[in-house]
Amino acid sequence: MPFKIIASQCSGCSACELECPNVAISEKGGTFVIDPKKCTECIGHFDEPQCVAVCPVDNTCVVDTSLPRYQARA
């Protein structure tokens, strides 16, 4: 499942944008958003999603359960 950023909790620090290996995070209206079409949960790059690892606000980058899990191409 791709991740999403809880806009009301986003501090706008941009740490996540720089760490995303898929360039899935961008700024929109002063907060950051994750493009679910680009988010791979960092599978194949890191052991844990980098947005979660670097976000200074706990539980701001969370799994978006409304979308299916990322499936790596074989």
C-alpha atoms as a PDB file:
ATOM      1  CA  MET A   1       0.000   0.000   0.000  1.00  0.00           C
ATOM      2  CA  PRO A   2       1.416   3.356  -0.836  1.00  0.00           C
ATOM      3  CA  PHE A   3       1.957   5.851   1.910  1.00  0.00           C
ATOM      4  CA  LYS A   4       0.162   9.140   2.375  1.00  0.00           C
ATOM      5  CA  ILE A   5       1.000  12.251   4.343  1.00  0.00           C
ATOM      6  CA  ILE A   6      -1.526  13.519   6.875  1.00  0.00           C
ATOM      7  CA  ALA A   7      -1.692  17.154   5.737  1.00  0.00           C
ATOM      8  CA  SER A   8      -2.855  18.500   9.093  1.00  0.00           C
ATOM      9  CA  GLN A   9       0.275  17.071  10.732  1.00  0.00           C
ATOM     10  CA  CYS A  10       2.812  17.939   8.016  1.00  0.00           C
ATOM     11  CA  SER A  11       5.269  20.575   9.207  1.00  0.00           C
ATOM     12  CA  GLY A  12       6.367  21.381   5.652  1.00  0.00           C
ATOM     13  CA  CYS A  13      10.015  20.658   6.470  1.00  0.00           C
ATOM     14  CA  SER A  14      10.633  18.862   3.119  1.00  0.00           C
ATOM     15  CA  ALA A  15      12.829  16.118   4.645  1.00  0.00           C
ATOM     16  CA  CYS A  16      10.716  13.409   3.027  1.00  0.00           C
ATOM     17  CA  GLU A  17      10.853  14.906  -0.450  1.00  0.00           C
ATOM     18  CA  LEU A  18      14.635  14.710  -0.582  1.00  0.00           C
ATOM     19  CA  GLU A  19      14.772  11.112   0.690  1.00  0.00           C
ATOM     20  CA  CYS A  20      12.152   9.510  -1.567  1.00  0.00           C
ATOM     21  CA  PRO A  21      13.979   7.250  -4.065  1.00  0.00           C
ATOM     22  CA  ASN A  22      11.009   7.334  -6.449  1.00  0.00           C
ATOM     23  CA  VAL A  23      10.460  11.110  -6.527  1.00  0.00           C
ATOM     24  CA  ALA A  24       6.901  10.412  -5.361  1.00  0.00           C
ATOM     25  CA  ILE A  25       6.736  13.310  -2.896  1.00  0.00           C
ATOM     26  CA  SER A  26       6.083  16.903  -3.858  1.00  0.00           C
ATOM     27  CA  GLU A  27       4.971  20.140  -2.230  1.00  0.00           C
ATOM     28  CA  LYS A  28       1.392  21.254  -2.704  1.00  0.00           C
ATOM     29  CA  GLY A  29      -0.102  24.235  -0.908  1.00  0.00           C
ATOM     30  CA  GLY A  30       2.517  24.372   1.832  1.00  0.00           C
ATOM     31  CA  THR A  31       2.403  20.680   2.722  1.00  0.00           C
ATOM     32  CA  PHE A  32       3.753  17.612   1.013  1.00  0.00           C
ATOM     33  CA  VAL A  33       1.846  14.876  -0.809  1.00  0.00           C
ATOM     34  CA  ILE A  34       2.779  11.399  -2.029  1.00  0.00           C
ATOM     35  CA  ASP A  35       1.833  10.326  -5.553  1.00  0.00           C
ATOM     36  CA  PRO A  36       0.440   6.810  -5.002  1.00  0.00           C
ATOM     37  CA  LYS A  37       1.327   5.835  -8.572  1.00  0.00           C
ATOM     38  CA  LYS A  38       5.018   6.418  -7.825  1.00  0.00           C
ATOM     39  CA  CYS A  39       5.187   5.161  -4.219  1.00  0.00           C
ATOM     40  CA  THR A  40       6.754   1.697  -3.913  1.00  0.00           C
ATOM     41  CA  GLU A  41       6.995   1.733  -0.100  1.00  0.00           C
ATOM     42  CA  CYS A  42      10.768   1.949  -0.790  1.00  0.00           C
ATOM     43  CA  ILE A  43      10.751  -1.775  -1.638  1.00  0.00           C
ATOM     44  CA  GLY A  44      14.008  -2.616  -3.374  1.00  0.00           C
ATOM     45  CA  HIS A  45      15.669   0.546  -2.071  1.00  0.00           C
ATOM     46  CA  PHE A  46      15.471   0.533   1.743  1.00  0.00           C
ATOM     47  CA  ASP A  47      14.294  -1.711   4.575  1.00  0.00           C
ATOM     48  CA  GLU A  48      11.762   0.883   5.702  1.00  0.00           C
ATOM     49  CA  PRO A  49       9.920   3.703   3.930  1.00  0.00           C
ATOM     50  CA  GLN A  50      12.179   6.743   4.001  1.00  0.00           C
ATOM     51  CA  CYS A  51       9.313   9.212   4.446  1.00  0.00           C
ATOM     52  CA  VAL A  52       8.522   7.493   7.744  1.00  0.00           C
ATOM     53  CA  ALA A  53      12.199   7.277   8.738  1.00  0.00           C
ATOM     54  CA  VAL A  54      12.960  10.978   8.258  1.00  0.00           C
ATOM     55  CA  CYS A  55       9.677  12.670   9.192  1.00  0.00           C
ATOM     56  CA  PRO A  56      10.109  14.633  12.438  1.00  0.00           C
ATOM     57  CA  VAL A  57       6.396  14.275  13.283  1.00  0.00           C
ATOM     58  CA  ASP A  58       5.308  10.778  14.337  1.00  0.00           C
ATOM     59  CA  ASN A  59       2.467   9.159  12.396  1.00  0.00           C
ATOM     60  CA  THR A  60       2.455  11.764   9.630  1.00  0.00           C
ATOM     61  CA  CYS A  61       3.527   9.382   6.837  1.00  0.00           C
ATOM     62  CA  VAL A  62       1.122   6.471   7.082  1.00  0.00           C
ATOM     63  CA  VAL A  63      -0.053   3.561   4.950  1.00  0.00           C
ATOM     64  CA  ASP A  64      -2.958   4.490   2.690  1.00  0.00           C
ATOM     65  CA  THR A  65      -5.205   1.474   3.226  1.00  0.00           C
ATOM     66  CA  SER A  66      -7.647   2.650   0.551  1.00  0.00           C
ATOM     67  CA  LEU A  67      -5.143   1.665  -2.157  1.00  0.00           C
ATOM     68  CA  PRO A  68      -3.612  -1.741  -3.019  1.00  0.00           C
ATOM     69  CA  ARG A  69      -0.086  -2.738  -1.991  1.00  0.00           C
ATOM     70  CA  TYR A  70       2.749  -2.055  -4.364  1.00  0.00           C
ATOM     71  CA  GLN A  71       3.611  -5.063  -6.506  1.00  0.00           C
ATOM     72  CA  ALA A  72       7.199  -5.224  -7.715  1.00  0.00           C
ATOM     73  CA  ARG A  73       7.492  -6.190 -11.365  1.00  0.00           C
ATOM     74  CA  ALA A  74       9.093  -9.563 -11.932  1.00  0.00           C
END
